[in-house]
Amino acid sequence: MNWDRIEGNWKQFKGKVKEEWGKLTDDELDRMAGQRTQLSGKLQERYGIARDEAERRIDEWLDQQADQIDRTH
């Protein structure tokens, strides 16, 4: 799965992002509107992690989403 799919369906994925990273607020998720760079920045800020760590976590989450979709189809 690529990020364009997440961004295009942000309203659907927003809840899954919130489940994974509960420190992010609904307002923050609304403002980022599926933009990966903003998600990465907020993860760095809220969780006190480096940029490469935030990107790694996003990649892992993205892989999980693809796996879940594959299992349902």
PDB file of N, CA and C in Angstrom:
ATOM      1  N   MET A   1       0.860  -1.180   0.000  1.00  0.00           N
ATOM      2  CA  MET A   1       0.000   0.000   0.000  1.00  0.00           C
ATOM      3  C   MET A   1       0.894   1.226   0.000  1.00  0.00           C
ATOM      4  N   ASN A   2       0.501   2.216  -0.795  1.00  0.00           N
ATOM      5  CA  ASN A   2       1.291   3.434  -0.783  1.00  0.00           C
ATOM      6  C   ASN A   2       0.554   4.541  -0.020  1.00  0.00           C
ATOM      7  N   TRP A   3       1.294   5.577   0.297  1.00  0.00           N
ATOM      8  CA  TRP A   3       0.732   6.631   1.132  1.00  0.00           C
ATOM      9  C   TRP A   3      -0.380   7.392   0.415  1.00  0.00           C
ATOM     10  N   ASP A   4      -0.349   7.447  -0.891  1.00  0.00           N
ATOM     11  CA  ASP A   4      -1.406   8.157  -1.632  1.00  0.00           C
ATOM     12  C   ASP A   4      -2.785   7.593  -1.300  1.00  0.00           C
ATOM     13  N   ARG A   5      -2.840   6.296  -1.101  1.00  0.00           N
ATOM     14  CA  ARG A   5      -4.120   5.659  -0.752  1.00  0.00           C
ATOM     15  C   ARG A   5      -4.583   6.110   0.636  1.00  0.00           C
ATOM     16  N   ILE A   6      -3.641   6.220   1.572  1.00  0.00           N
ATOM     17  CA  ILE A   6      -3.979   6.699   2.920  1.00  0.00           C
ATOM     18  C   ILE A   6      -4.489   8.131   2.839  1.00  0.00           C
ATOM     19  N   GLU A   7      -3.741   8.957   2.138  1.00  0.00           N
ATOM     20  CA  GLU A   7      -4.111  10.369   2.027  1.00  0.00           C
ATOM     21  C   GLU A   7      -5.472  10.544   1.367  1.00  0.00           C
ATOM     22  N   GLY A   8      -5.734   9.765   0.322  1.00  0.00           N
ATOM     23  CA  GLY A   8      -7.002   9.861  -0.391  1.00  0.00           C
ATOM     24  C   GLY A   8      -8.198   9.380   0.420  1.00  0.00           C
ATOM     25  N   ASN A   9      -7.940   8.515   1.386  1.00  0.00           N
ATOM     26  CA  ASN A   9      -9.010   7.965   2.229  1.00  0.00           C
ATOM     27  C   ASN A   9      -8.785   8.318   3.693  1.00  0.00           C
ATOM     28  N   TRP A  10      -8.302   9.524   3.939  1.00  0.00           N
ATOM     29  CA  TRP A  10      -7.892   9.924   5.280  1.00  0.00           C
ATOM     30  C   TRP A  10      -9.001   9.761   6.316  1.00  0.00           C
ATOM     31  N   LYS A  11     -10.221  10.093   5.955  1.00  0.00           N
ATOM     32  CA  LYS A  11     -11.313   9.980   6.928  1.00  0.00           C
ATOM     33  C   LYS A  11     -11.470   8.547   7.409  1.00  0.00           C
ATOM     34  N   GLN A  12     -11.259   7.593   6.523  1.00  0.00           N
ATOM     35  CA  GLN A  12     -11.366   6.185   6.907  1.00  0.00           C
ATOM     36  C   GLN A  12     -10.176   5.744   7.756  1.00  0.00           C
ATOM     37  N   PHE A  13      -8.991   6.225   7.422  1.00  0.00           N
ATOM     38  CA  PHE A  13      -7.781   5.784   8.119  1.00  0.00           C
ATOM     39  C   PHE A  13      -7.498   6.571   9.390  1.00  0.00           C
ATOM     40  N   LYS A  14      -8.125   7.709   9.540  1.00  0.00           N
ATOM     41  CA  LYS A  14      -7.855   8.561  10.700  1.00  0.00           C
ATOM     42  C   LYS A  14      -8.078   7.821  12.018  1.00  0.00           C
ATOM     43  N   GLY A  15      -9.117   7.036  12.103  1.00  0.00           N
ATOM     44  CA  GLY A  15      -9.389   6.270  13.325  1.00  0.00           C
ATOM     45  C   GLY A  15      -8.311   5.244  13.604  1.00  0.00           C
ATOM     46  N   LYS A  16      -7.776   4.631  12.557  1.00  0.00           N
ATOM     47  CA  LYS A  16      -6.708   3.655  12.726  1.00  0.00           C
ATOM     48  C   LYS A  16      -5.421   4.327  13.174  1.00  0.00           C
ATOM     49  N   VAL A  17      -5.186   5.535  12.674  1.00  0.00           N
ATOM     50  CA  VAL A  17      -4.015   6.298  13.109  1.00  0.00           C
ATOM     51  C   VAL A  17      -4.164   6.644  14.590  1.00  0.00           C
ATOM     52  N   LYS A  18      -5.352   7.042  14.982  1.00  0.00           N
ATOM     53  CA  LYS A  18      -5.626   7.391  16.381  1.00  0.00           C
ATOM     54  C   LYS A  18      -5.442   6.170  17.293  1.00  0.00           C
ATOM     55  N   GLU A  19      -5.853   4.992  16.832  1.00  0.00           N
ATOM     56  CA  GLU A  19      -5.650   3.770  17.613  1.00  0.00           C
ATOM     57  C   GLU A  19      -4.165   3.497  17.826  1.00  0.00           C
ATOM     58  N   GLU A  20      -3.381   3.711  16.792  1.00  0.00           N
ATOM     59  CA  GLU A  20      -1.944   3.430  16.860  1.00  0.00           C
ATOM     60  C   GLU A  20      -1.201   4.475  17.687  1.00  0.00           C
ATOM     61  N   TRP A  21      -1.554   5.723  17.499  1.00  0.00           N
ATOM     62  CA  TRP A  21      -0.844   6.824  18.162  1.00  0.00           C
ATOM     63  C   TRP A  21      -1.849   7.683  18.924  1.00  0.00           C
ATOM     64  N   GLY A  22      -2.259   7.194  20.075  1.00  0.00           N
ATOM     65  CA  GLY A  22      -3.306   7.822  20.876  1.00  0.00           C
ATOM     66  C   GLY A  22      -2.987   9.196  21.429  1.00  0.00           C
ATOM     67  N   LYS A  23      -1.722   9.574  21.413  1.00  0.00           N
ATOM     68  CA  LYS A  23      -1.367  10.903  21.910  1.00  0.00           C
ATOM     69  C   LYS A  23      -1.724  12.011  20.924  1.00  0.00           C
ATOM     70  N   LEU A  24      -2.045  11.640  19.701  1.00  0.00           N
ATOM     71  CA  LEU A  24      -2.440  12.637  18.707  1.00  0.00           C
ATOM     72  C   LEU A  24      -3.904  12.989  18.918  1.00  0.00           C
ATOM     73  N   THR A  25      -4.212  14.273  18.846  1.00  0.00           N
ATOM     74  CA  THR A  25      -5.590  14.709  19.051  1.00  0.00           C
ATOM     75  C   THR A  25      -6.376  14.656  17.743  1.00  0.00           C
ATOM     76  N   ASP A  26      -7.688  14.646  17.879  1.00  0.00           N
ATOM     77  CA  ASP A  26      -8.547  14.662  16.692  1.00  0.00           C
ATOM     78  C   ASP A  26      -8.299  15.911  15.858  1.00  0.00           C
ATOM     79  N   ASP A  27      -8.101  17.039  16.520  1.00  0.00           N
ATOM     80  CA  ASP A  27      -7.839  18.284  15.790  1.00  0.00           C
ATOM     81  C   ASP A  27      -6.544  18.185  14.985  1.00  0.00           C
ATOM     82  N   GLU A  28      -5.511  17.607  15.590  1.00  0.00           N
ATOM     83  CA  GLU A  28      -4.244  17.447  14.875  1.00  0.00           C
ATOM     84  C   GLU A  28      -4.425  16.540  13.664  1.00  0.00           C
ATOM     85  N   LEU A  29      -5.162  15.458  13.849  1.00  0.00           N
ATOM     86  CA  LEU A  29      -5.399  14.540  12.742  1.00  0.00           C
ATOM     87  C   LEU A  29      -6.199  15.208  11.625  1.00  0.00           C
ATOM     88  N   ASP A  30      -7.172  16.025  11.999  1.00  0.00           N
ATOM     89  CA  ASP A  30      -7.950  16.751  10.993  1.00  0.00           C
ATOM     90  C   ASP A  30      -7.061  17.722  10.219  1.00  0.00           C
ATOM     91  N   ARG A  31      -6.207  18.442  10.929  1.00  0.00           N
ATOM     92  CA  ARG A  31      -5.347  19.435  10.278  1.00  0.00           C
ATOM     93  C   ARG A  31      -4.318  18.796   9.349  1.00  0.00           C
ATOM     94  N   MET A  32      -3.804  17.632   9.710  1.00  0.00           N
ATOM     95  CA  MET A  32      -2.777  17.023   8.863  1.00  0.00           C
ATOM     96  C   MET A  32      -3.373  16.460   7.573  1.00  0.00           C
ATOM     97  N   ALA A  33      -4.659  16.159   7.568  1.00  0.00           N
ATOM     98  CA  ALA A  33      -5.385  15.757   6.357  1.00  0.00           C
ATOM     99  C   ALA A  33      -4.647  14.704   5.545  1.00  0.00           C
ATOM    100  N   GLY A  34      -4.020  13.755   6.220  1.00  0.00           N
ATOM    101  CA  GLY A  34      -3.371  12.659   5.526  1.00  0.00           C
ATOM    102  C   GLY A  34      -1.965  12.927   5.038  1.00  0.00           C
ATOM    103  N   GLN A  35      -1.423  14.079   5.355  1.00  0.00           N
ATOM    104  CA  GLN A  35      -0.075  14.398   4.902  1.00  0.00           C
ATOM    105  C   GLN A  35       0.955  13.696   5.774  1.00  0.00           C
ATOM    106  N   ARG A  36       1.719  12.832   5.154  1.00  0.00           N
ATOM    107  CA  ARG A  36       2.683  12.007   5.871  1.00  0.00           C
ATOM    108  C   ARG A  36       3.721  12.848   6.618  1.00  0.00           C
ATOM    109  N   THR A  37       4.203  13.913   6.005  1.00  0.00           N
ATOM    110  CA  THR A  37       5.225  14.730   6.666  1.00  0.00           C
ATOM    111  C   THR A  37       4.693  15.348   7.947  1.00  0.00           C
ATOM    112  N   GLN A  38       3.427  15.739   7.941  1.00  0.00           N
ATOM    113  CA  GLN A  38       2.844  16.299   9.155  1.00  0.00           C
ATOM    114  C   GLN A  38       2.658  15.227  10.218  1.00  0.00           C
ATOM    115  N   LEU A  39       2.276  14.025   9.815  1.00  0.00           N
ATOM    116  CA  LEU A  39       2.161  12.926  10.767  1.00  0.00           C
ATOM    117  C   LEU A  39       3.519  12.639  11.387  1.00  0.00           C
ATOM    118  N   SER A  40       4.530  12.578  10.571  1.00  0.00           N
ATOM    119  CA  SER A  40       5.880  12.319  11.069  1.00  0.00           C
ATOM    120  C   SER A  40       6.307  13.392  12.074  1.00  0.00           C
ATOM    121  N   GLY A  41       6.054  14.646  11.741  1.00  0.00           N
ATOM    122  CA  GLY A  41       6.411  15.740  12.643  1.00  0.00           C
ATOM    123  C   GLY A  41       5.676  15.657  13.973  1.00  0.00           C
ATOM    124  N   LYS A  42       4.393  15.331  13.926  1.00  0.00           N
ATOM    125  CA  LYS A  42       3.614  15.220  15.170  1.00  0.00           C
ATOM    126  C   LYS A  42       4.073  14.036  16.010  1.00  0.00           C
ATOM    127  N   LEU A  43       4.439  12.931  15.355  1.00  0.00           N
ATOM    128  CA  LEU A  43       4.958  11.792  16.113  1.00  0.00           C
ATOM    129  C   LEU A  43       6.261  12.158  16.812  1.00  0.00           C
ATOM    130  N   GLN A  44       7.107  12.891  16.121  1.00  0.00           N
ATOM    131  CA  GLN A  44       8.360  13.342  16.730  1.00  0.00           C
ATOM    132  C   GLN A  44       8.077  14.201  17.954  1.00  0.00           C
ATOM    133  N   GLU A  45       7.142  15.117  17.798  1.00  0.00           N
ATOM    134  CA  GLU A  45       6.809  16.059  18.869  1.00  0.00           C
ATOM    135  C   GLU A  45       6.153  15.355  20.064  1.00  0.00           C
ATOM    136  N   ARG A  46       5.138  14.563  19.796  1.00  0.00           N
ATOM    137  CA  ARG A  46       4.355  13.934  20.874  1.00  0.00           C
ATOM    138  C   ARG A  46       5.084  12.794  21.576  1.00  0.00           C
ATOM    139  N   TYR A  47       5.884  12.050  20.818  1.00  0.00           N
ATOM    140  CA  TYR A  47       6.520  10.860  21.376  1.00  0.00           C
ATOM    141  C   TYR A  47       8.011  11.055  21.654  1.00  0.00           C
ATOM    142  N   GLY A  48       8.536  12.230  21.315  1.00  0.00           N
ATOM    143  CA  GLY A  48       9.937  12.521  21.596  1.00  0.00           C
ATOM    144  C   GLY A  48      10.901  11.594  20.873  1.00  0.00           C
ATOM    145  N   ILE A  49      10.612  11.343  19.604  1.00  0.00           N
ATOM    146  CA  ILE A  49      11.457  10.449  18.819  1.00  0.00           C
ATOM    147  C   ILE A  49      12.088  11.213  17.657  1.00  0.00           C
ATOM    148  N   ALA A  50      13.142  10.648  17.106  1.00  0.00           N
ATOM    149  CA  ALA A  50      13.830  11.260  15.968  1.00  0.00           C
ATOM    150  C   ALA A  50      13.024  11.038  14.689  1.00  0.00           C
ATOM    151  N   ARG A  51      13.343  11.832  13.685  1.00  0.00           N
ATOM    152  CA  ARG A  51      12.625  11.755  12.413  1.00  0.00           C
ATOM    153  C   ARG A  51      12.708  10.358  11.798  1.00  0.00           C
ATOM    154  N   ASP A  52      13.893   9.765  11.786  1.00  0.00           N
ATOM    155  CA  ASP A  52      14.017   8.447  11.168  1.00  0.00           C
ATOM    156  C   ASP A  52      13.225   7.387  11.927  1.00  0.00           C
ATOM    157  N   GLU A  53      13.115   7.530  13.239  1.00  0.00           N
ATOM    158  CA  GLU A  53      12.301   6.608  14.034  1.00  0.00           C
ATOM    159  C   GLU A  53      10.814   6.793  13.713  1.00  0.00           C
ATOM    160  N   ALA A  54      10.383   8.042  13.586  1.00  0.00           N
ATOM    161  CA  ALA A  54       8.984   8.322  13.233  1.00  0.00           C
ATOM    162  C   ALA A  54       8.661   7.730  11.863  1.00  0.00           C
ATOM    163  N   GLU A  55       9.566   7.897  10.922  1.00  0.00           N
ATOM    164  CA  GLU A  55       9.352   7.351   9.579  1.00  0.00           C
ATOM    165  C   GLU A  55       9.308   5.827   9.605  1.00  0.00           C
ATOM    166  N   ARG A  56      10.157   5.211  10.410  1.00  0.00           N
ATOM    167  CA  ARG A  56      10.168   3.757  10.531  1.00  0.00           C
ATOM    168  C   ARG A  56       8.835   3.254  11.080  1.00  0.00           C
ATOM    169  N   ARG A  57       8.338   3.944  12.098  1.00  0.00           N
ATOM    170  CA  ARG A  57       7.058   3.544  12.689  1.00  0.00           C
ATOM    171  C   ARG A  57       5.901   3.712  11.713  1.00  0.00           C
ATOM    172  N   ILE A  58       5.934   4.776  10.934  1.00  0.00           N
ATOM    173  CA  ILE A  58       4.890   4.985   9.924  1.00  0.00           C
ATOM    174  C   ILE A  58       4.957   3.875   8.880  1.00  0.00           C
ATOM    175  N   ASP A  59       6.166   3.524   8.434  1.00  0.00           N
ATOM    176  CA  ASP A  59       6.320   2.450   7.457  1.00  0.00           C
ATOM    177  C   ASP A  59       5.782   1.130   7.996  1.00  0.00           C
ATOM    178  N   GLU A  60       6.081   0.824   9.256  1.00  0.00           N
ATOM    179  CA  GLU A  60       5.577  -0.412   9.868  1.00  0.00           C
ATOM    180  C   GLU A  60       4.057  -0.407   9.925  1.00  0.00           C
ATOM    181  N   TRP A  61       3.489   0.725  10.314  1.00  0.00           N
ATOM    182  CA  TRP A  61       2.037   0.850  10.387  1.00  0.00           C
ATOM    183  C   TRP A  61       1.418   0.673   8.996  1.00  0.00           C
ATOM    184  N   LEU A  62       2.049   1.279   8.005  1.00  0.00           N
ATOM    185  CA  LEU A  62       1.562   1.171   6.630  1.00  0.00           C
ATOM    186  C   LEU A  62       1.576  -0.282   6.163  1.00  0.00           C
ATOM    187  N   ASP A  63       2.629  -1.016   6.498  1.00  0.00           N
ATOM    188  CA  ASP A  63       2.702  -2.436   6.160  1.00  0.00           C
ATOM    189  C   ASP A  63       1.574  -3.221   6.844  1.00  0.00           C
ATOM    190  N   GLN A  64       1.283  -2.890   8.085  1.00  0.00           N
ATOM    191  CA  GLN A  64       0.201  -3.563   8.815  1.00  0.00           C
ATOM    192  C   GLN A  64      -1.143  -3.326   8.132  1.00  0.00           C
ATOM    193  N   GLN A  65      -1.354  -2.104   7.671  1.00  0.00           N
ATOM    194  CA  GLN A  65      -2.620  -1.787   6.999  1.00  0.00           C
ATOM    195  C   GLN A  65      -2.752  -2.599   5.718  1.00  0.00           C
ATOM    196  N   ALA A  66      -1.677  -2.716   4.972  1.00  0.00           N
ATOM    197  CA  ALA A  66      -1.698  -3.491   3.741  1.00  0.00           C
ATOM    198  C   ALA A  66      -1.980  -4.962   4.033  1.00  0.00           C
ATOM    199  N   ASP A  67      -1.357  -5.488   5.108  1.00  0.00           N
ATOM    200  CA  ASP A  67      -1.598  -6.880   5.493  1.00  0.00           C
ATOM    201  C   ASP A  67      -3.064  -7.104   5.857  1.00  0.00           C
ATOM    202  N   GLN A  68      -3.655  -6.166   6.581  1.00  0.00           N
ATOM    203  CA  GLN A  68      -5.056  -6.308   6.984  1.00  0.00           C
ATOM    204  C   GLN A  68      -5.985  -6.275   5.777  1.00  0.00           C
ATOM    205  N   ILE A  69      -5.680  -5.429   4.827  1.00  0.00           N
ATOM    206  CA  ILE A  69      -6.505  -5.344   3.625  1.00  0.00           C
ATOM    207  C   ILE A  69      -6.374  -6.630   2.813  1.00  0.00           C
ATOM    208  N   ASP A  70      -5.145  -7.155   2.712  1.00  0.00           N
ATOM    209  CA  ASP A  70      -4.926  -8.404   1.977  1.00  0.00           C
ATOM    210  C   ASP A  70      -5.717  -9.558   2.603  1.00  0.00           C
ATOM    211  N   ARG A  71      -5.800  -9.580   3.927  1.00  0.00           N
ATOM    212  CA  ARG A  71      -6.518 -10.671   4.595  1.00  0.00           C
ATOM    213  C   ARG A  71      -8.027 -10.577   4.395  1.00  0.00           C
ATOM    214  N   THR A  72      -8.542  -9.379   4.161  1.00  0.00           N
ATOM    215  CA  THR A  72      -9.982  -9.224   3.996  1.00  0.00           C
ATOM    216  C   THR A  72     -10.436  -9.396   2.556  1.00  0.00           C
ATOM    217  N   HIS A  73      -9.500  -9.441   1.630  1.00  0.00           N
ATOM    218  CA  HIS A  73      -9.876  -9.587   0.213  1.00  0.00           C
ATOM    219  C   HIS A  73      -9.473 -10.910  -0.341  1.00  0.00           C
TER     220      HIS A  73
END
